[in-house]
Amino acid sequence: MAAQGLTVAVTGPTGDLGVAVVSALERSGSVRRVVGMARRPFHPGERGWKKTEYRQGDVQDHGSVRDLVKGADVVVHLAFAIVSAGEATRELNVGGSRRVFEESAKAGVRRICYASSVAAYGFHHDNPDWLTEDCAARGTPEHFYSSQKAEVERVLGEVLLRHQGLAAYVFRPCFVAGPNAQMLLEELPYMRLSDALPGAVRSLLSQVPALKPVMPDPGIRFQLVHEDDVAAAFLAGVQGKGEPGPYNLAGAGTLTVRDLADALGWYSVPVPEPAVDLTVEVVSRLPLPAAASWIHSARKPVLMKTGRAEEQLGWKPEHTSRGALHELVSARRLGDPPLS
């Protein structure tokens, strides 16, 4: 069936990825109406959105989800606690996702487009150097975000088995970067400290080269994907292009921490592999916040091939990993001049 005049329900429309996805839906002639549900109020008109309606609600509330998906042709599920993911957010991430999937099926939704992650594969030493969609999404138990992303994919699979008329596109992007997707920078310890300082102090520190941060570089390569390129893949899923199923999303090329430090005007120092393993072992035993579980990702690169998205969806990212990094840093610099 041709995708004409679709009504699309979106959870998490104002998050790092949500703004780009809703903007892509707004520009599409195949989408007639967008309903975005968020816990905090937002005004669609302030972003120039004309098709989008705000719906206050929470994925942890059955009534909110039921009202959101009623009458929707497609549901885009983006709401998820990311860096703060832990046992305390399991009900939001796993329980909330289950609620969205089940209520969508009951409402007769045609398609679900779910934002998973490269982290769903897990950070396992026996993973291949380049991951394809044929690799199992095993997650890493010690990494809450990774394990919960993998679990949500299993939950979605269970729902699909019970509702044969429902199709699902599962997108697994690497780190998403861009003007609105700033999480990669915002979660750097120095950024958190810098944001807490008065502007005058930050400006002074930026003028003293010796006080610039030093980032440890374990040499592990990673990929970035631009928020607009991810949004283009979601739009293809909303329109029902290609076959349903999992899709890796990443920009061309790879980066290291040194590249990130150079872009920020910071310093980097190489860290030998034994030191990385020792740091991971020590940190994993400390009573630190859930965000510390990200240390496990330093042990194993998770690089993805994107051939399936290119062949099935006609997806071709317009930004390389390095280009996405440039836009990420440029946007941060404009919003916060004393970045470096």
C-alpha atoms as a PDB file:
ATOM      1  CA  MET A   1       0.000   0.000   0.000  1.00  0.00           C
ATOM      2  CA  ALA A   2       1.368   3.409  -0.944  1.00  0.00           C
ATOM      3  CA  ALA A   3       2.322   5.664   1.922  1.00  0.00           C
ATOM      4  CA  GLN A   4      -0.150   8.533   1.481  1.00  0.00           C
ATOM      5  CA  GLY A   5      -1.472  10.793   4.187  1.00  0.00           C
ATOM      6  CA  LEU A   6       0.068   8.869   7.060  1.00  0.00           C
ATOM      7  CA  THR A   7      -0.595   9.667  10.694  1.00  0.00           C
ATOM      8  CA  VAL A   8       2.586   9.099  12.680  1.00  0.00           C
ATOM      9  CA  ALA A   9       2.773   8.916  16.485  1.00  0.00           C
ATOM     10  CA  VAL A  10       6.175   9.704  18.017  1.00  0.00           C
ATOM     11  CA  THR A  11       7.481   9.110  21.522  1.00  0.00           C
ATOM     12  CA  GLY A  12      10.388  11.332  22.566  1.00  0.00           C
ATOM     13  CA  PRO A  13       9.897  14.003  19.872  1.00  0.00           C
ATOM     14  CA  THR A  14      12.103  16.587  21.594  1.00  0.00           C
ATOM     15  CA  GLY A  15      15.121  14.416  22.386  1.00  0.00           C
ATOM     16  CA  ASP A  16      18.512  14.352  20.664  1.00  0.00           C
ATOM     17  CA  LEU A  17      17.113  12.326  17.776  1.00  0.00           C
ATOM     18  CA  GLY A  18      13.466  13.343  18.028  1.00  0.00           C
ATOM     19  CA  VAL A  19      13.857  16.859  16.633  1.00  0.00           C
ATOM     20  CA  ALA A  20      15.549  15.604  13.469  1.00  0.00           C
ATOM     21  CA  VAL A  21      13.023  12.786  12.973  1.00  0.00           C
ATOM     22  CA  VAL A  22       9.960  14.998  13.437  1.00  0.00           C
ATOM     23  CA  SER A  23      11.476  17.619  11.136  1.00  0.00           C
ATOM     24  CA  ALA A  24      11.919  14.953   8.444  1.00  0.00           C
ATOM     25  CA  LEU A  25       8.314  13.833   8.898  1.00  0.00           C
ATOM     26  CA  GLU A  26       7.181  17.453   8.616  1.00  0.00           C
ATOM     27  CA  ARG A  27       8.957  17.805   5.261  1.00  0.00           C
ATOM     28  CA  SER A  28       7.549  14.576   3.831  1.00  0.00           C
ATOM     29  CA  GLY A  29       4.582  14.754   1.510  1.00  0.00           C
ATOM     30  CA  SER A  30       3.598  11.228   2.532  1.00  0.00           C
ATOM     31  CA  VAL A  31       2.949  12.285   6.140  1.00  0.00           C
ATOM     32  CA  ARG A  32      -0.291  14.114   6.882  1.00  0.00           C
ATOM     33  CA  ARG A  33      -0.196  14.346  10.680  1.00  0.00           C
ATOM     34  CA  VAL A  34       2.328  13.864  13.479  1.00  0.00           C
ATOM     35  CA  VAL A  35       1.402  13.401  17.131  1.00  0.00           C
ATOM     36  CA  GLY A  36       4.352  13.807  19.494  1.00  0.00           C
ATOM     37  CA  MET A  37       4.130  12.681  23.104  1.00  0.00           C
ATOM     38  CA  ALA A  38       6.486  14.070  25.735  1.00  0.00           C
ATOM     39  CA  ARG A  39       6.372  14.501  29.486  1.00  0.00           C
ATOM     40  CA  ARG A  40       7.244  18.183  29.263  1.00  0.00           C
ATOM     41  CA  PRO A  41       5.247  20.674  27.170  1.00  0.00           C
ATOM     42  CA  PHE A  42       6.662  21.855  23.856  1.00  0.00           C
ATOM     43  CA  HIS A  43       5.276  24.165  21.200  1.00  0.00           C
ATOM     44  CA  PRO A  44       5.495  22.717  17.669  1.00  0.00           C
ATOM     45  CA  GLY A  45       5.106  26.145  16.099  1.00  0.00           C
ATOM     46  CA  GLU A  46       8.335  27.359  17.711  1.00  0.00           C
ATOM     47  CA  ARG A  47      10.232  24.917  15.508  1.00  0.00           C
ATOM     48  CA  GLY A  48       8.153  25.704  12.459  1.00  0.00           C
ATOM     49  CA  TRP A  49       6.302  22.392  12.724  1.00  0.00           C
ATOM     50  CA  LYS A  50       2.840  22.666  11.170  1.00  0.00           C
ATOM     51  CA  LYS A  51       1.713  19.025  11.055  1.00  0.00           C
ATOM     52  CA  THR A  52       2.742  18.170  14.586  1.00  0.00           C
ATOM     53  CA  GLU A  53       0.491  18.136  17.650  1.00  0.00           C
ATOM     54  CA  TYR A  54       1.786  18.029  21.214  1.00  0.00           C
ATOM     55  CA  ARG A  55       0.417  15.350  23.499  1.00  0.00           C
ATOM     56  CA  GLN A  56       1.526  15.347  27.133  1.00  0.00           C
ATOM     57  CA  GLY A  57       2.101  11.855  28.443  1.00  0.00           C
ATOM     58  CA  ASP A  58       4.510   9.180  29.598  1.00  0.00           C
ATOM     59  CA  VAL A  59       5.337   5.775  28.115  1.00  0.00           C
ATOM     60  CA  GLN A  60       4.987   4.377  31.634  1.00  0.00           C
ATOM     61  CA  ASP A  61       1.289   5.258  31.618  1.00  0.00           C
ATOM     62  CA  HIS A  62      -1.092   2.936  29.738  1.00  0.00           C
ATOM     63  CA  GLY A  63      -3.659   5.666  29.141  1.00  0.00           C
ATOM     64  CA  SER A  64      -1.116   8.062  27.650  1.00  0.00           C
ATOM     65  CA  VAL A  65       0.231   5.442  25.267  1.00  0.00           C
ATOM     66  CA  ARG A  66      -3.235   4.230  24.285  1.00  0.00           C
ATOM     67  CA  ASP A  67      -4.333   7.760  23.411  1.00  0.00           C
ATOM     68  CA  LEU A  68      -1.125   8.432  21.480  1.00  0.00           C
ATOM     69  CA  VAL A  69      -1.318   5.418  19.145  1.00  0.00           C
ATOM     70  CA  LYS A  70      -5.072   5.572  18.549  1.00  0.00           C
ATOM     71  CA  GLY A  71      -5.634   6.210  14.838  1.00  0.00           C
ATOM     72  CA  ALA A  72      -1.904   6.091  14.008  1.00  0.00           C
ATOM     73  CA  ASP A  73      -0.654   4.333  10.892  1.00  0.00           C
ATOM     74  CA  VAL A  74       2.954   4.261  12.099  1.00  0.00           C
ATOM     75  CA  VAL A  75       4.536   4.582  15.553  1.00  0.00           C
ATOM     76  CA  VAL A  76       8.068   5.915  15.945  1.00  0.00           C
ATOM     77  CA  HIS A  77       9.442   4.951  19.353  1.00  0.00           C
ATOM     78  CA  LEU A  78      12.390   7.088  20.458  1.00  0.00           C
ATOM     79  CA  ALA A  79      11.765   7.643  24.192  1.00  0.00           C
ATOM     80  CA  PHE A  80      14.576   6.051  26.196  1.00  0.00           C
ATOM     81  CA  ALA A  81      16.845   7.031  29.096  1.00  0.00           C
ATOM     82  CA  ILE A  82      20.333   6.846  27.629  1.00  0.00           C
ATOM     83  CA  VAL A  83      23.399   7.576  29.747  1.00  0.00           C
ATOM     84  CA  SER A  84      21.433   7.425  32.983  1.00  0.00           C
ATOM     85  CA  ALA A  85      20.087   3.978  32.065  1.00  0.00           C
ATOM     86  CA  GLY A  86      20.187   1.643  35.055  1.00  0.00           C
ATOM     87  CA  GLU A  87      17.946  -0.510  37.163  1.00  0.00           C
ATOM     88  CA  ALA A  88      16.161   2.660  38.275  1.00  0.00           C
ATOM     89  CA  THR A  89      15.135   3.412  34.664  1.00  0.00           C
ATOM     90  CA  ARG A  90      14.297  -0.136  33.617  1.00  0.00           C
ATOM     91  CA  GLU A  91      10.552   0.453  33.875  1.00  0.00           C
ATOM     92  CA  LEU A  92      10.864   3.437  31.551  1.00  0.00           C
ATOM     93  CA  ASN A  93      13.150   1.776  29.021  1.00  0.00           C
ATOM     94  CA  VAL A  94      11.931  -1.815  28.920  1.00  0.00           C
ATOM     95  CA  GLY A  95       8.479  -1.591  30.480  1.00  0.00           C
ATOM     96  CA  GLY A  96       7.642   1.603  28.603  1.00  0.00           C
ATOM     97  CA  SER A  97       8.777   0.135  25.299  1.00  0.00           C
ATOM     98  CA  ARG A  98       6.704  -3.001  25.845  1.00  0.00           C
ATOM     99  CA  ARG A  99       3.699  -0.796  26.530  1.00  0.00           C
ATOM    100  CA  VAL A 100       4.245   1.165  23.305  1.00  0.00           C
ATOM    101  CA  PHE A 101       4.619  -2.002  21.218  1.00  0.00           C
ATOM    102  CA  GLU A 102       1.624  -3.809  22.688  1.00  0.00           C
ATOM    103  CA  GLU A 103      -0.713  -0.824  22.517  1.00  0.00           C
ATOM    104  CA  SER A 104       0.386  -0.174  18.932  1.00  0.00           C
ATOM    105  CA  ALA A 105      -0.494  -3.736  17.991  1.00  0.00           C
ATOM    106  CA  LYS A 106      -3.889  -3.493  19.669  1.00  0.00           C
ATOM    107  CA  ALA A 107      -4.613  -0.202  17.856  1.00  0.00           C
ATOM    108  CA  GLY A 108      -3.977  -1.751  14.440  1.00  0.00           C
ATOM    109  CA  VAL A 109      -0.818   0.230  13.692  1.00  0.00           C
ATOM    110  CA  ARG A 110       0.838  -0.861  10.427  1.00  0.00           C
ATOM    111  CA  ARG A 111       4.463  -0.287  11.321  1.00  0.00           C
ATOM    112  CA  ILE A 112       6.697   0.431  14.286  1.00  0.00           C
ATOM    113  CA  CYS A 113      10.023   2.203  13.806  1.00  0.00           C
ATOM    114  CA  TYR A 114      12.156   1.676  16.890  1.00  0.00           C
ATOM    115  CA  ALA A 115      15.408   3.465  17.783  1.00  0.00           C
ATOM    116  CA  SER A 116      17.733   0.756  19.032  1.00  0.00           C
ATOM    117  CA  SER A 117      21.512   1.216  19.072  1.00  0.00           C
ATOM    118  CA  VAL A 118      24.835  -0.300  18.085  1.00  0.00           C
ATOM    119  CA  ALA A 119      25.155  -0.938  21.834  1.00  0.00           C
ATOM    120  CA  ALA A 120      22.509  -3.661  21.498  1.00  0.00           C
ATOM    121  CA  TYR A 121      25.191  -5.900  19.965  1.00  0.00           C
ATOM    122  CA  GLY A 122      27.174  -5.671  23.189  1.00  0.00           C
ATOM    123  CA  PHE A 123      30.874  -5.098  23.696  1.00  0.00           C
ATOM    124  CA  HIS A 124      32.072  -8.687  23.324  1.00  0.00           C
ATOM    125  CA  HIS A 125      35.582  -9.740  22.354  1.00  0.00           C
ATOM    126  CA  ASP A 126      34.189 -12.466  20.093  1.00  0.00           C
ATOM    127  CA  ASN A 127      32.130  -9.980  18.066  1.00  0.00           C
ATOM    128  CA  PRO A 128      33.442  -9.624  14.500  1.00  0.00           C
ATOM    129  CA  ASP A 129      35.477  -6.526  13.700  1.00  0.00           C
ATOM    130  CA  TRP A 130      32.630  -5.275  11.501  1.00  0.00           C
ATOM    131  CA  LEU A 131      29.095  -5.976  12.644  1.00  0.00           C
ATOM    132  CA  THR A 132      26.260  -6.805  10.267  1.00  0.00           C
ATOM    133  CA  GLU A 133      22.599  -7.308  11.052  1.00  0.00           C
ATOM    134  CA  ASP A 134      23.200 -11.083  11.027  1.00  0.00           C
ATOM    135  CA  CYS A 135      25.096 -10.728  14.314  1.00  0.00           C
ATOM    136  CA  ALA A 136      23.050 -11.390  17.440  1.00  0.00           C
ATOM    137  CA  ALA A 137      22.023  -8.405  19.583  1.00  0.00           C
ATOM    138  CA  ARG A 138      23.348  -9.890  22.844  1.00  0.00           C
ATOM    139  CA  GLY A 139      23.948  -6.729  24.855  1.00  0.00           C
ATOM    140  CA  THR A 140      26.504  -6.464  27.661  1.00  0.00           C
ATOM    141  CA  PRO A 141      25.048  -7.241  31.124  1.00  0.00           C
ATOM    142  CA  GLU A 142      27.309  -4.794  32.974  1.00  0.00           C
ATOM    143  CA  HIS A 143      26.329  -1.993  30.596  1.00  0.00           C
ATOM    144  CA  PHE A 144      22.732  -1.070  31.438  1.00  0.00           C
ATOM    145  CA  TYR A 145      22.048   0.814  28.232  1.00  0.00           C
ATOM    146  CA  SER A 146      23.460  -2.000  26.095  1.00  0.00           C
ATOM    147  CA  SER A 147      21.612  -4.780  27.897  1.00  0.00           C
ATOM    148  CA  GLN A 148      18.322  -2.885  27.931  1.00  0.00           C
ATOM    149  CA  LYS A 149      18.518  -2.018  24.238  1.00  0.00           C
ATOM    150  CA  ALA A 150      19.019  -5.711  23.457  1.00  0.00           C
ATOM    151  CA  GLU A 151      16.176  -6.666  25.794  1.00  0.00           C
ATOM    152  CA  VAL A 152      13.788  -4.214  24.159  1.00  0.00           C
ATOM    153  CA  GLU A 153      14.564  -5.769  20.773  1.00  0.00           C
ATOM    154  CA  ARG A 154      13.601  -9.152  22.222  1.00  0.00           C
ATOM    155  CA  VAL A 155      10.388  -7.682  23.620  1.00  0.00           C
ATOM    156  CA  LEU A 156       9.539  -6.274  20.193  1.00  0.00           C
ATOM    157  CA  GLY A 157      10.179  -9.683  18.636  1.00  0.00           C
ATOM    158  CA  GLU A 158       7.742 -11.292  21.074  1.00  0.00           C
ATOM    159  CA  VAL A 159       5.041  -8.755  20.197  1.00  0.00           C
ATOM    160  CA  LEU A 160       5.576  -9.307  16.473  1.00  0.00           C
ATOM    161  CA  LEU A 161       5.140 -13.061  16.895  1.00  0.00           C
ATOM    162  CA  ARG A 162       1.746 -12.512  18.498  1.00  0.00           C
ATOM    163  CA  HIS A 163       0.593  -9.917  15.955  1.00  0.00           C
ATOM    164  CA  GLN A 164       1.404 -11.106  12.447  1.00  0.00           C
ATOM    165  CA  GLY A 165      -0.065  -8.008  10.762  1.00  0.00           C
ATOM    166  CA  LEU A 166       2.419  -5.676  12.443  1.00  0.00           C
ATOM    167  CA  ALA A 167       5.787  -4.854  10.837  1.00  0.00           C
ATOM    168  CA  ALA A 168       8.787  -3.313  12.588  1.00  0.00           C
ATOM    169  CA  TYR A 169      11.925  -1.495  11.522  1.00  0.00           C
ATOM    170  CA  VAL A 170      14.704  -1.590  14.120  1.00  0.00           C
ATOM    171  CA  PHE A 171      17.367   1.041  13.568  1.00  0.00           C
ATOM    172  CA  ARG A 172      20.760   0.566  15.212  1.00  0.00           C
ATOM    173  CA  PRO A 173      22.695   3.828  14.887  1.00  0.00           C
ATOM    174  CA  CYS A 174      26.161   4.357  16.287  1.00  0.00           C
ATOM    175  CA  PHE A 175      26.787   7.582  18.259  1.00  0.00           C
ATOM    176  CA  VAL A 176      24.372  10.152  16.832  1.00  0.00           C
ATOM    177  CA  ALA A 177      25.815  13.644  16.403  1.00  0.00           C
ATOM    178  CA  GLY A 178      24.662  16.984  15.075  1.00  0.00           C
ATOM    179  CA  PRO A 179      23.334  20.408  16.089  1.00  0.00           C
ATOM    180  CA  ASN A 180      20.578  18.880  18.251  1.00  0.00           C
ATOM    181  CA  ALA A 181      22.294  15.583  19.133  1.00  0.00           C
ATOM    182  CA  GLN A 182      24.889  16.758  21.653  1.00  0.00           C
ATOM    183  CA  MET A 183      24.969  13.842  24.083  1.00  0.00           C
ATOM    184  CA  LEU A 184      28.475  12.717  23.092  1.00  0.00           C
ATOM    185  CA  LEU A 185      29.863  16.042  24.280  1.00  0.00           C
ATOM    186  CA  GLU A 186      27.455  16.724  27.122  1.00  0.00           C
ATOM    187  CA  GLU A 187      28.435  13.531  28.929  1.00  0.00           C
ATOM    188  CA  LEU A 188      32.179  14.212  28.854  1.00  0.00           C
ATOM    189  CA  PRO A 189      33.251  14.828  32.485  1.00  0.00           C
ATOM    190  CA  TYR A 190      34.965  18.117  31.611  1.00  0.00           C
ATOM    191  CA  MET A 191      31.818  19.384  29.901  1.00  0.00           C
ATOM    192  CA  ARG A 192      29.740  18.604  32.968  1.00  0.00           C
ATOM    193  CA  LEU A 193      32.224  20.508  35.136  1.00  0.00           C
ATOM    194  CA  SER A 194      32.497  23.387  32.671  1.00  0.00           C
ATOM    195  CA  ASP A 195      28.726  23.814  32.465  1.00  0.00           C
ATOM    196  CA  ALA A 196      28.619  24.280  36.239  1.00  0.00           C
ATOM    197  CA  LEU A 197      31.133  27.152  36.168  1.00  0.00           C
ATOM    198  CA  PRO A 198      30.224  30.838  35.718  1.00  0.00           C
ATOM    199  CA  GLY A 199      30.664  32.102  32.161  1.00  0.00           C
ATOM    200  CA  ALA A 200      33.502  34.441  33.108  1.00  0.00           C
ATOM    201  CA  VAL A 201      35.472  31.579  34.645  1.00  0.00           C
ATOM    202  CA  ARG A 202      34.946  29.356  31.597  1.00  0.00           C
ATOM    203  CA  SER A 203      36.103  32.188  29.339  1.00  0.00           C
ATOM    204  CA  LEU A 204      39.249  32.662  31.419  1.00  0.00           C
ATOM    205  CA  LEU A 205      40.064  28.951  31.417  1.00  0.00           C
ATOM    206  CA  SER A 206      39.661  28.780  27.646  1.00  0.00           C
ATOM    207  CA  GLN A 207      42.456  31.348  27.263  1.00  0.00           C
ATOM    208  CA  VAL A 208      44.999  29.303  29.208  1.00  0.00           C
ATOM    209  CA  PRO A 209      46.294  26.493  26.971  1.00  0.00           C
ATOM    210  CA  ALA A 210      47.846  24.586  29.855  1.00  0.00           C
ATOM    211  CA  LEU A 211      44.399  24.217  31.444  1.00  0.00           C
ATOM    212  CA  LYS A 212      42.807  22.550  28.448  1.00  0.00           C
ATOM    213  CA  PRO A 213      41.515  19.038  29.161  1.00  0.00           C
ATOM    214  CA  VAL A 214      43.560  15.940  28.398  1.00  0.00           C
ATOM    215  CA  MET A 215      41.584  12.987  27.032  1.00  0.00           C
ATOM    216  CA  PRO A 216      42.948   9.433  27.348  1.00  0.00           C
ATOM    217  CA  ASP A 217      42.963   7.757  23.935  1.00  0.00           C
ATOM    218  CA  PRO A 218      42.867   3.941  24.036  1.00  0.00           C
ATOM    219  CA  GLY A 219      43.052   3.882  20.237  1.00  0.00           C
ATOM    220  CA  ILE A 220      39.631   2.264  19.874  1.00  0.00           C
ATOM    221  CA  ARG A 221      37.945   3.342  16.664  1.00  0.00           C
ATOM    222  CA  PHE A 222      34.320   4.463  16.610  1.00  0.00           C
ATOM    223  CA  GLN A 223      31.776   5.805  14.132  1.00  0.00           C
ATOM    224  CA  LEU A 224      29.404   8.754  14.178  1.00  0.00           C
ATOM    225  CA  VAL A 225      26.200   9.251  12.232  1.00  0.00           C
ATOM    226  CA  HIS A 226      24.540  12.610  11.652  1.00  0.00           C
ATOM    227  CA  GLU A 227      21.096  13.134  13.164  1.00  0.00           C
ATOM    228  CA  ASP A 228      19.652  14.059   9.743  1.00  0.00           C
ATOM    229  CA  ASP A 229      20.937  10.828   8.196  1.00  0.00           C
ATOM    230  CA  VAL A 230      19.292   8.809  10.961  1.00  0.00           C
ATOM    231  CA  ALA A 231      16.089  10.769  10.397  1.00  0.00           C
ATOM    232  CA  ALA A 232      16.228   9.895   6.684  1.00  0.00           C
ATOM    233  CA  ALA A 233      16.355   6.190   7.567  1.00  0.00           C
ATOM    234  CA  PHE A 234      13.403   6.555   9.921  1.00  0.00           C
ATOM    235  CA  LEU A 235      11.416   8.307   7.201  1.00  0.00           C
ATOM    236  CA  ALA A 236      12.099   5.395   4.860  1.00  0.00           C
ATOM    237  CA  GLY A 237      10.792   3.024   7.530  1.00  0.00           C
ATOM    238  CA  VAL A 238       7.721   5.174   8.122  1.00  0.00           C
ATOM    239  CA  GLN A 239       7.018   5.018   4.400  1.00  0.00           C
ATOM    240  CA  GLY A 240       7.427   1.243   4.398  1.00  0.00           C
ATOM    241  CA  LYS A 241      10.390   1.090   2.053  1.00  0.00           C
ATOM    242  CA  GLY A 242      12.436  -2.107   1.833  1.00  0.00           C
ATOM    243  CA  GLU A 243      11.956  -5.059   4.155  1.00  0.00           C
ATOM    244  CA  PRO A 244      11.150  -4.650   7.844  1.00  0.00           C
ATOM    245  CA  GLY A 245      13.871  -5.740  10.246  1.00  0.00           C
ATOM    246  CA  PRO A 246      17.121  -4.431  11.737  1.00  0.00           C
ATOM    247  CA  TYR A 247      19.257  -1.783  10.055  1.00  0.00           C
ATOM    248  CA  ASN A 248      22.724  -0.543  10.999  1.00  0.00           C
ATOM    249  CA  LEU A 249      23.262   3.202  10.587  1.00  0.00           C
ATOM    250  CA  ALA A 250      26.706   4.836  10.545  1.00  0.00           C
ATOM    251  CA  GLY A 251      28.546   7.521   8.638  1.00  0.00           C
ATOM    252  CA  ALA A 252      31.514   6.620   6.450  1.00  0.00           C
ATOM    253  CA  GLY A 253      34.937   6.493   8.064  1.00  0.00           C
ATOM    254  CA  THR A 254      36.076   5.958  11.644  1.00  0.00           C
ATOM    255  CA  LEU A 255      37.427   8.182  14.414  1.00  0.00           C
ATOM    256  CA  THR A 256      39.436   7.875  17.614  1.00  0.00           C
ATOM    257  CA  VAL A 257      39.432   9.893  20.829  1.00  0.00           C
ATOM    258  CA  ARG A 258      42.382  11.823  19.401  1.00  0.00           C
ATOM    259  CA  ASP A 259      40.150  13.039  16.566  1.00  0.00           C
ATOM    260  CA  LEU A 260      37.546  14.147  19.095  1.00  0.00           C
ATOM    261  CA  ALA A 261      40.159  15.933  21.199  1.00  0.00           C
ATOM    262  CA  ASP A 262      41.627  17.656  18.132  1.00  0.00           C
ATOM    263  CA  ALA A 263      38.184  18.879  17.057  1.00  0.00           C
ATOM    264  CA  LEU A 264      37.617  20.328  20.523  1.00  0.00           C
ATOM    265  CA  GLY A 265      41.067  21.909  20.686  1.00  0.00           C
ATOM    266  CA  TRP A 266      41.976  19.646  23.600  1.00  0.00           C
ATOM    267  CA  TYR A 267      44.932  17.364  24.263  1.00  0.00           C
ATOM    268  CA  SER A 268      44.982  13.587  23.997  1.00  0.00           C
ATOM    269  CA  VAL A 269      47.373  11.010  25.371  1.00  0.00           C
ATOM    270  CA  PRO A 270      47.680   7.410  24.147  1.00  0.00           C
ATOM    271  CA  VAL A 271      46.677   4.721  26.648  1.00  0.00           C
ATOM    272  CA  PRO A 272      48.199   1.239  26.216  1.00  0.00           C
ATOM    273  CA  GLU A 273      45.762  -1.672  26.088  1.00  0.00           C
ATOM    274  CA  PRO A 274      46.809  -3.212  29.451  1.00  0.00           C
ATOM    275  CA  ALA A 275      46.088   0.121  31.141  1.00  0.00           C
ATOM    276  CA  VAL A 276      42.633   0.235  29.523  1.00  0.00           C
ATOM    277  CA  ASP A 277      41.794  -3.242  30.834  1.00  0.00           C
ATOM    278  CA  LEU A 278      43.033  -2.341  34.315  1.00  0.00           C
ATOM    279  CA  THR A 279      40.978   0.874  34.364  1.00  0.00           C
ATOM    280  CA  VAL A 280      37.860  -0.985  33.280  1.00  0.00           C
ATOM    281  CA  GLU A 281      38.375  -3.608  35.979  1.00  0.00           C
ATOM    282  CA  VAL A 282      38.881  -1.028  38.732  1.00  0.00           C
ATOM    283  CA  VAL A 283      36.015   1.274  37.700  1.00  0.00           C
ATOM    284  CA  SER A 284      33.591  -1.618  37.293  1.00  0.00           C
ATOM    285  CA  ARG A 285      34.069  -2.458  40.986  1.00  0.00           C
ATOM    286  CA  LEU A 286      33.465   1.052  42.298  1.00  0.00           C
ATOM    287  CA  PRO A 287      30.045   2.230  43.573  1.00  0.00           C
ATOM    288  CA  LEU A 288      29.723   4.825  40.805  1.00  0.00           C
ATOM    289  CA  PRO A 289      26.575   6.099  39.019  1.00  0.00           C
ATOM    290  CA  ALA A 290      25.077   4.034  36.191  1.00  0.00           C
ATOM    291  CA  ALA A 291      26.832   6.237  33.635  1.00  0.00           C
ATOM    292  CA  ALA A 292      30.114   4.589  34.645  1.00  0.00           C
ATOM    293  CA  SER A 293      28.952   1.398  32.943  1.00  0.00           C
ATOM    294  CA  TRP A 294      29.970   3.060  29.669  1.00  0.00           C
ATOM    295  CA  ILE A 295      33.574   2.263  30.589  1.00  0.00           C
ATOM    296  CA  HIS A 296      32.988  -1.252  29.225  1.00  0.00           C
ATOM    297  CA  SER A 297      32.714   0.165  25.712  1.00  0.00           C
ATOM    298  CA  ALA A 298      36.414   1.083  25.812  1.00  0.00           C
ATOM    299  CA  ARG A 299      37.417  -2.568  25.609  1.00  0.00           C
ATOM    300  CA  LYS A 300      36.047  -3.470  22.190  1.00  0.00           C
ATOM    301  CA  PRO A 301      35.317  -1.378  19.095  1.00  0.00           C
ATOM    302  CA  VAL A 302      31.794  -1.720  17.706  1.00  0.00           C
ATOM    303  CA  LEU A 303      31.999  -0.873  14.029  1.00  0.00           C
ATOM    304  CA  MET A 304      29.108  -1.543  11.682  1.00  0.00           C
ATOM    305  CA  LYS A 305      28.570  -2.208   8.007  1.00  0.00           C
ATOM    306  CA  THR A 306      25.556  -0.408   6.569  1.00  0.00           C
ATOM    307  CA  GLY A 307      25.045  -2.279   3.307  1.00  0.00           C
ATOM    308  CA  ARG A 308      21.566  -3.516   4.204  1.00  0.00           C
ATOM    309  CA  ALA A 309      20.213   0.006   4.743  1.00  0.00           C
ATOM    310  CA  GLU A 310      21.804   1.148   1.499  1.00  0.00           C
ATOM    311  CA  GLU A 311      20.376  -1.744  -0.510  1.00  0.00           C
ATOM    312  CA  GLN A 312      16.937  -2.092   1.092  1.00  0.00           C
ATOM    313  CA  LEU A 313      16.082   1.500   1.973  1.00  0.00           C
ATOM    314  CA  GLY A 314      18.126   3.350  -0.627  1.00  0.00           C
ATOM    315  CA  TRP A 315      19.803   5.035   2.355  1.00  0.00           C
ATOM    316  CA  LYS A 316      22.999   6.946   1.711  1.00  0.00           C
ATOM    317  CA  PRO A 317      24.340   9.126   4.526  1.00  0.00           C
ATOM    318  CA  GLU A 318      25.151  12.652   3.427  1.00  0.00           C
ATOM    319  CA  HIS A 319      27.650  13.130   6.264  1.00  0.00           C
ATOM    320  CA  THR A 320      30.787  11.160   7.090  1.00  0.00           C
ATOM    321  CA  SER A 321      31.743  10.381  10.671  1.00  0.00           C
ATOM    322  CA  ARG A 322      34.218  13.247  10.555  1.00  0.00           C
ATOM    323  CA  GLY A 323      31.624  15.570   9.055  1.00  0.00           C
ATOM    324  CA  ALA A 324      29.151  14.716  11.814  1.00  0.00           C
ATOM    325  CA  LEU A 325      31.864  15.439  14.394  1.00  0.00           C
ATOM    326  CA  HIS A 326      32.534  18.823  12.796  1.00  0.00           C
ATOM    327  CA  GLU A 327      28.839  19.792  12.960  1.00  0.00           C
ATOM    328  CA  LEU A 328      28.595  18.547  16.535  1.00  0.00           C
ATOM    329  CA  VAL A 329      31.497  20.668  17.716  1.00  0.00           C
ATOM    330  CA  SER A 330      30.528  23.685  15.604  1.00  0.00           C
ATOM    331  CA  ALA A 331      27.018  23.721  17.068  1.00  0.00           C
ATOM    332  CA  ARG A 332      28.390  23.421  20.596  1.00  0.00           C
ATOM    333  CA  ARG A 333      30.861  26.211  19.959  1.00  0.00           C
ATOM    334  CA  LEU A 334      28.114  28.541  18.738  1.00  0.00           C
ATOM    335  CA  GLY A 335      25.995  27.836  21.782  1.00  0.00           C
ATOM    336  CA  ASP A 336      28.896  27.958  24.225  1.00  0.00           C
ATOM    337  CA  PRO A 337      31.815  30.098  22.917  1.00  0.00           C
ATOM    338  CA  PRO A 338      34.401  29.121  25.568  1.00  0.00           C
ATOM    339  CA  LEU A 339      34.504  25.491  24.420  1.00  0.00           C
ATOM    340  CA  SER A 340      38.267  25.472  23.893  1.00  0.00           C
END
